[in-house]
Protein backbone atom coordinates (compact mmCIF):
# COMPACT_ATOMS: atom_id res chain seq x y z
CA MET A 1 48.98 44.39 70.79
CA LEU A 2 50.46 43.94 67.30
CA GLN A 3 53.96 43.60 68.77
CA GLU A 4 52.69 40.99 71.25
CA ASN A 5 51.12 38.96 68.42
CA SER A 6 54.34 39.21 66.45
CA ASP A 7 56.37 38.07 69.47
CA ASN A 8 53.98 35.15 70.02
CA LEU A 9 54.26 34.15 66.38
CA ASP A 10 58.06 34.36 66.53
CA ALA A 11 58.06 32.18 69.65
CA LEU A 12 55.80 29.61 67.97
CA ILE A 13 58.02 29.54 64.90
CA ARG A 14 61.16 29.03 67.07
CA GLU A 15 59.40 26.26 69.00
CA GLU A 16 58.42 24.50 65.77
CA LYS A 17 61.97 24.81 64.42
CA HIS A 18 63.30 23.29 67.65
CA ARG A 19 60.82 20.42 67.35
CA VAL A 20 61.72 19.69 63.73
CA ALA A 21 65.46 19.95 64.42
CA LEU A 22 65.12 17.55 67.34
CA GLU A 23 63.31 15.06 65.09
CA PHE A 24 66.15 15.25 62.55
CA PHE A 25 68.75 14.65 65.26
CA GLN A 26 66.77 11.80 66.82
CA ASP A 27 66.52 10.08 63.43
CA ALA A 28 70.26 10.49 62.85
CA TRP A 29 71.04 9.30 66.39
CA ASN A 30 68.89 6.19 65.97
CA SER A 31 70.50 5.40 62.61
CA ALA A 32 73.99 5.72 64.09
CA ILE A 33 73.08 3.51 67.07
CA GLN A 34 71.74 0.89 64.66
CA GLU A 35 75.10 1.01 62.86
CA GLY A 36 76.83 0.15 66.14
CA ILE A 37 78.18 3.53 67.17
CA GLU A 38 78.30 3.84 70.94
CA PRO A 39 76.23 6.67 72.50
CA ALA A 40 79.27 8.37 74.09
CA ILE A 41 81.13 8.48 70.76
CA LEU A 42 78.04 9.70 68.97
CA ALA A 43 77.37 12.40 71.58
CA ASP A 44 80.96 13.65 71.51
CA SER A 45 80.93 13.79 67.71
CA ALA A 46 77.57 15.57 67.66
CA ILE A 47 78.67 18.18 70.20
CA VAL A 48 81.97 18.89 68.43
CA ASN A 49 80.22 19.13 65.06
CA ALA A 50 77.45 21.37 66.41
CA LEU A 51 79.82 23.77 68.16
CA THR A 52 82.17 23.91 65.16
CA ASN A 53 79.29 24.70 62.80
CA LEU A 54 77.81 27.26 65.21
CA SER A 55 81.19 28.98 65.47
CA SER A 56 81.56 29.04 61.69
CA ALA A 57 78.06 30.42 61.19
CA GLU A 58 77.82 32.93 64.03
CA GLY A 59 81.24 33.34 65.62
CA GLU A 60 82.74 32.31 68.95
CA GLN A 61 80.40 34.23 71.28
CA PRO A 62 77.30 32.08 70.70
CA VAL A 63 79.45 28.98 71.33
CA GLU A 64 80.74 30.43 74.59
CA THR A 65 77.21 31.38 75.64
CA LEU A 66 75.86 27.93 74.88
CA ILE A 67 78.69 26.19 76.72
CA ALA A 68 78.22 28.47 79.74
CA GLU A 69 74.50 27.59 79.89
CA LEU A 70 75.02 23.82 79.84
CA PRO A 71 75.83 23.27 83.55
CA SER A 72 72.66 24.99 84.76
CA ARG A 73 70.58 23.19 82.13
CA ASN A 74 72.06 19.90 83.31
CA GLU A 75 71.42 20.73 86.97
CA SER A 76 67.80 21.58 86.20
CA GLY A 77 67.26 18.18 84.57
CA HIS A 78 67.03 19.49 81.02
CA PHE A 79 68.89 16.45 79.63
CA ILE A 80 66.91 13.76 81.45
CA ALA A 81 65.04 11.81 78.77
CA ASP A 82 61.94 10.94 80.80
CA ARG A 83 61.71 14.03 82.98
CA SER A 84 58.30 15.18 84.08
CA LEU A 85 57.53 18.88 84.10
CA GLN A 86 55.66 20.06 87.19
């Protein structure tokens, strides 16, 4: 039971970190768009920067794992802005 509570707490903390990180990125994205940077240029720059920093922080394996997961996440609609979960 204690382990389950700890796992639930860890999951809630990760979820909150994801939410806060997404807010930071959305603010930065909106600021860049307002400055006239096209979405495709911004996205490419963000991806390159994110993968470079991930590689520096944790090595190449997490980068490879993340890149390998992207096609299935795309196919499942993960990147559709107004997707509805059913």
